[in-house]
Amino acid sequence: MEVEDCPLPEDRWYDRNLELWLRPEPDGTARIGMTASWSAFLGRILRVEFRTPRGVQSRGWSLATVESARTAVPFRLPLDAEIIAPNPVLAERPRRINEDPYGDGWIGHLRLPRPVEPEIGLATAAEIREPLIDQIRRRHIQCWPLPPEQEMVEIGLECSAIFAKLDEALARIAPGEAIVLVTDDPTSPIEIARWTDRTGHRVRAARRGQGLFKFLVERVERPAPRRRSASGELEPDPG
């Protein structure tokens, strides 16, 4: 399911703080990781520093310190478990937590001494749905399909000036990275479509609310500008 644009898979357990998930595996082990909403709140993950465990660790033990653009927080075990291995991908690319929190961005692989039961304080996706809605709204959390490098808030400007600034901002980030553009210009949905045709960059997601338009814009490695006919139809690529 999705909650306020944040994914919330129903095949795992969640802690009541709405910060982590646990998914039991058929062999009796489990994977744990960070919820999409919590990783979005923390911002870009810069580093994950794991502790070296020995034997079974108690619930609440800090498996790692997660450092983000906003803060550094401990990642604690939601139940007693033996640590099999941390996710080796995170050493080179900690941003996988932002990019794929329920997949390749998992944080730890555990061996559980007993089956997972609700009594240990974990909950299903359905049970945390309403508290998660409240948390997302209260903390103004925004989940995007690609974690943005920055947010450009351009209020009261015409689109021509806005997109000139967007061009400059995109030139400063790497291909595959993204920026969130926020504007109140009512013509922006039309103008950004024209802009993507002209530049060849991508709009990965678009949202509207409270008089604002938000666009997640991704820089493309080899942008291919497109042309439209007078009727608005895309013209075939001459190449």
Protein backbone atom coordinates (compact mmCIF):
# COMPACT_ATOMS: atom_id res chain seq x y z
CA MET A 1 0.00 0.00 0.00
CA GLU A 2 0.93 3.70 -0.16
CA VAL A 3 0.40 6.20 2.64
CA GLU A 4 0.59 9.87 1.69
CA ASP A 5 2.80 8.94 -1.32
CA CYS A 6 5.09 6.84 0.89
CA PRO A 7 5.26 3.09 0.12
CA LEU A 8 4.36 0.72 2.95
CA PRO A 9 4.71 -2.97 1.96
CA GLU A 10 2.30 -5.33 3.69
CA ASP A 11 4.66 -8.33 3.80
CA ARG A 12 6.63 -7.27 6.88
CA TRP A 13 6.47 -5.98 10.46
CA TYR A 14 7.04 -2.39 11.61
CA ASP A 15 8.12 -0.82 14.87
CA ARG A 16 5.73 1.52 16.68
CA ASN A 17 8.11 4.46 16.18
CA LEU A 18 7.50 4.04 12.42
CA GLU A 19 11.23 4.04 11.74
CA LEU A 20 12.09 0.46 10.78
CA TRP A 21 10.73 -2.70 9.23
CA LEU A 22 11.48 -6.40 9.73
CA ARG A 23 10.76 -9.11 7.17
CA PRO A 24 11.07 -12.77 8.27
CA GLU A 25 12.63 -15.13 5.73
CA PRO A 26 11.57 -18.78 5.16
CA ASP A 27 14.85 -20.06 6.67
CA GLY A 28 14.16 -18.43 10.04
CA THR A 29 16.37 -15.41 9.46
CA ALA A 30 15.11 -11.89 8.82
CA ARG A 31 16.04 -8.65 7.08
CA ILE A 32 15.62 -5.27 8.70
CA GLY A 33 15.72 -1.81 7.23
CA MET A 34 14.44 1.74 7.44
CA THR A 35 10.95 2.84 6.43
CA ALA A 36 10.63 5.04 3.37
CA SER A 37 9.00 7.81 5.37
CA TRP A 38 11.78 7.88 7.96
CA SER A 39 14.54 7.88 5.34
CA ALA A 40 12.75 10.71 3.52
CA PHE A 41 12.57 12.69 6.77
CA LEU A 42 16.27 12.18 7.48
CA GLY A 43 17.26 13.30 3.98
CA ARG A 44 20.17 12.05 1.94
CA ILE A 45 21.99 9.25 3.77
CA LEU A 46 25.70 10.04 3.78
CA ARG A 47 27.22 7.23 5.84
CA VAL A 48 26.32 4.06 7.75
CA GLU A 49 28.74 3.02 10.47
CA PHE A 50 28.13 -0.53 11.71
CA ARG A 51 29.11 -1.93 15.08
CA THR A 52 30.81 -5.33 15.31
CA PRO A 53 28.45 -7.68 17.17
CA ARG A 54 29.18 -10.90 19.06
CA GLY A 55 26.44 -13.42 19.78
CA VAL A 56 22.81 -12.54 20.38
CA GLN A 57 22.12 -8.85 20.94
CA SER A 58 19.22 -7.55 22.99
CA ARG A 59 16.32 -5.53 21.71
CA GLY A 60 17.31 -1.86 21.55
CA TRP A 61 20.98 -2.59 20.78
CA SER A 62 22.34 -0.16 18.20
CA LEU A 63 23.39 -2.06 15.10
CA ALA A 64 24.58 1.06 13.31
CA THR A 65 24.73 4.83 13.27
CA VAL A 66 23.07 6.34 10.22
CA GLU A 67 24.38 9.77 9.26
CA SER A 68 22.26 11.91 6.95
CA ALA A 69 22.29 15.44 5.60
CA ARG A 70 20.06 16.42 8.52
CA THR A 71 21.33 14.45 11.52
CA ALA A 72 22.86 11.21 12.81
CA VAL A 73 20.64 8.59 14.43
CA PRO A 74 21.14 5.09 15.88
CA PHE A 75 19.53 2.14 14.14
CA ARG A 76 18.37 -0.16 16.93
CA LEU A 77 17.27 -3.78 16.90
CA PRO A 78 13.50 -4.16 17.35
CA LEU A 79 13.95 -7.56 19.04
CA ASP A 80 16.63 -9.92 20.38
CA ALA A 81 18.66 -11.27 17.46
CA GLU A 82 22.03 -12.48 16.27
CA ILE A 83 23.56 -10.34 13.52
CA ILE A 84 24.47 -12.45 10.50
CA ALA A 85 25.75 -9.58 8.39
CA PRO A 86 25.24 -5.91 7.63
CA ASN A 87 24.35 -4.90 4.09
CA PRO A 88 27.72 -4.62 2.27
CA VAL A 89 26.20 -2.37 -0.42
CA LEU A 90 25.83 0.46 2.09
CA ALA A 91 29.57 0.84 2.59
CA GLU A 92 29.96 2.20 -0.94
CA ARG A 93 26.45 3.54 -1.53
CA PRO A 94 24.62 4.48 1.68
CA ARG A 95 22.02 6.29 -0.45
CA ARG A 96 20.50 2.92 -1.31
CA ILE A 97 18.54 3.38 1.92
CA ASN A 98 16.87 6.43 0.34
CA GLU A 99 16.58 4.94 -3.12
CA ASP A 100 15.29 1.47 -2.29
CA PRO A 101 14.49 1.24 1.45
CA TYR A 102 12.44 -1.97 1.14
CA GLY A 103 14.77 -3.71 -1.30
CA ASP A 104 18.51 -3.34 -1.87
CA GLY A 105 18.67 -0.69 0.87
CA TRP A 106 18.09 -3.17 3.70
CA ILE A 107 20.39 -2.61 6.69
CA GLY A 108 20.88 -5.90 8.53
CA HIS A 109 20.47 -9.67 8.13
CA LEU A 110 19.48 -11.36 11.40
CA ARG A 111 19.02 -14.78 12.91
CA LEU A 112 16.00 -14.82 15.19
CA PRO A 113 15.98 -16.93 18.38
CA ARG A 114 12.18 -17.29 18.16
CA PRO A 115 9.36 -16.50 15.71
CA VAL A 116 8.14 -12.93 15.39
CA GLU A 117 5.00 -12.25 17.43
CA PRO A 118 2.94 -9.07 17.87
CA GLU A 119 3.64 -9.17 21.60
CA ILE A 120 7.22 -8.02 21.05
CA GLY A 121 5.97 -4.58 20.00
CA LEU A 122 5.91 -4.85 16.22
CA ALA A 123 2.86 -4.12 14.10
CA THR A 124 1.46 -4.81 10.64
CA ALA A 125 1.25 -2.21 7.89
CA ALA A 126 -2.51 -1.90 8.45
CA GLU A 127 -1.99 -1.25 12.16
CA ILE A 128 0.47 1.59 11.64
CA ARG A 129 -1.33 3.24 8.71
CA GLU A 130 -3.16 5.92 10.73
CA PRO A 131 -0.19 6.77 13.00
CA LEU A 132 1.99 7.00 9.90
CA ILE A 133 -0.40 9.44 8.23
CA ASP A 134 -0.22 11.60 11.35
CA GLN A 135 3.59 11.46 11.43
CA ILE A 136 3.94 12.31 7.75
CA ARG A 137 1.62 15.30 7.99
CA ARG A 138 3.02 16.55 11.28
CA ARG A 139 6.63 16.39 10.08
CA HIS A 140 5.82 17.46 6.51
CA ILE A 141 7.49 14.35 5.10
CA GLN A 142 7.70 14.02 1.31
CA CYS A 143 8.45 10.64 -0.26
CA TRP A 144 9.67 10.74 -3.85
CA PRO A 145 10.55 7.91 -6.26
CA LEU A 146 14.08 9.35 -6.41
CA PRO A 147 15.62 11.14 -3.38
CA PRO A 148 16.21 14.79 -4.34
CA GLU A 149 19.55 16.53 -3.93
CA GLN A 150 17.84 19.82 -3.13
CA GLU A 151 14.51 21.62 -3.15
CA MET A 152 14.10 24.78 -5.22
CA VAL A 153 11.25 26.93 -3.89
CA GLU A 154 10.46 29.59 -6.47
CA ILE A 155 7.45 31.66 -5.44
CA GLY A 156 6.25 34.71 -7.34
CA LEU A 157 8.54 34.21 -10.34
CA GLU A 158 7.56 33.73 -13.96
CA CYS A 159 8.36 30.38 -15.54
CA SER A 160 11.08 31.78 -17.81
CA ALA A 161 13.13 32.86 -14.79
CA ILE A 162 12.34 29.66 -12.90
CA PHE A 163 13.55 27.34 -15.63
CA ALA A 164 16.71 29.36 -16.19
CA LYS A 165 17.53 28.74 -12.51
CA LEU A 166 16.57 25.07 -12.86
CA ASP A 167 18.99 24.68 -15.77
CA GLU A 168 21.79 26.10 -13.61
CA ALA A 169 20.90 23.83 -10.66
CA LEU A 170 20.80 20.69 -12.80
CA ALA A 171 24.23 21.51 -14.22
CA ARG A 172 25.63 21.20 -10.68
CA ILE A 173 24.37 17.67 -9.99
CA ALA A 174 25.29 14.32 -11.50
CA PRO A 175 23.23 12.39 -14.07
CA GLY A 176 20.63 10.27 -12.33
CA GLU A 177 20.26 12.77 -9.48
CA ALA A 178 17.20 14.95 -9.03
CA ILE A 179 15.86 18.26 -7.78
CA VAL A 180 12.39 19.13 -6.47
CA LEU A 181 11.05 22.31 -8.02
CA VAL A 182 8.27 24.10 -6.10
CA THR A 183 6.40 26.95 -7.78
CA ASP A 184 3.08 28.76 -7.56
CA ASP A 185 2.94 29.69 -11.25
CA PRO A 186 -0.36 28.25 -12.62
CA THR A 187 1.21 27.80 -16.07
CA SER A 188 4.03 25.62 -14.72
CA PRO A 189 2.50 22.22 -15.70
CA ILE A 190 2.40 23.34 -19.34
CA GLU A 191 5.75 25.10 -19.21
CA ILE A 192 7.58 22.19 -17.61
CA ALA A 193 6.32 19.88 -20.37
CA ARG A 194 7.80 22.29 -22.89
CA TRP A 195 10.99 22.47 -20.86
CA THR A 196 11.43 18.68 -20.83
CA ASP A 197 10.96 18.61 -24.61
CA ARG A 198 13.56 21.34 -25.02
CA THR A 199 16.16 19.93 -22.64
CA GLY A 200 15.57 16.18 -22.71
CA HIS A 201 15.61 15.91 -18.91
CA ARG A 202 12.87 14.03 -17.07
CA VAL A 203 10.06 14.84 -14.67
CA ARG A 204 9.85 11.73 -12.46
CA ALA A 205 6.81 12.88 -10.44
CA ALA A 206 4.45 15.85 -10.19
CA ARG A 207 2.20 16.87 -7.30
CA ARG A 208 -0.15 19.72 -6.54
CA GLY A 209 -1.55 21.02 -3.27
CA GLN A 210 -2.28 24.24 -1.37
CA GLY A 211 -1.75 26.34 -4.47
CA LEU A 212 1.72 24.93 -5.14
CA PHE A 213 3.08 22.75 -7.93
CA LYS A 214 5.92 20.34 -7.16
CA PHE A 215 8.01 18.56 -9.79
CA LEU A 216 10.75 15.98 -9.23
CA VAL A 217 13.19 16.67 -12.06
CA GLU A 218 15.94 14.18 -12.91
CA ARG A 219 19.08 15.07 -14.80
CA VAL A 220 19.50 12.67 -17.74
CA GLU A 221 23.00 11.54 -18.68
CA ARG A 222 22.44 11.88 -22.43
CA PRO A 223 19.41 14.13 -22.82
CA ALA A 224 17.61 13.95 -26.16
CA PRO A 225 15.53 17.10 -26.81
CA ARG A 226 12.23 16.52 -28.58
CA ARG A 227 10.13 18.66 -30.91
CA ARG A 228 6.37 18.99 -31.10
CA SER A 229 4.22 19.88 -34.05
CA ALA A 230 1.85 22.85 -34.08
CA SER A 231 -0.91 20.50 -32.87
CA GLY A 232 1.20 19.47 -29.87
CA GLU A 233 2.07 15.98 -31.11
CA LEU A 234 5.64 14.74 -30.68
CA GLU A 235 7.50 14.73 -33.96
CA PRO A 236 9.48 11.59 -34.87
CA ASP A 237 13.15 11.49 -34.02
CA PRO A 238 15.03 12.41 -37.20
CA GLY A 239 17.84 10.07 -36.15
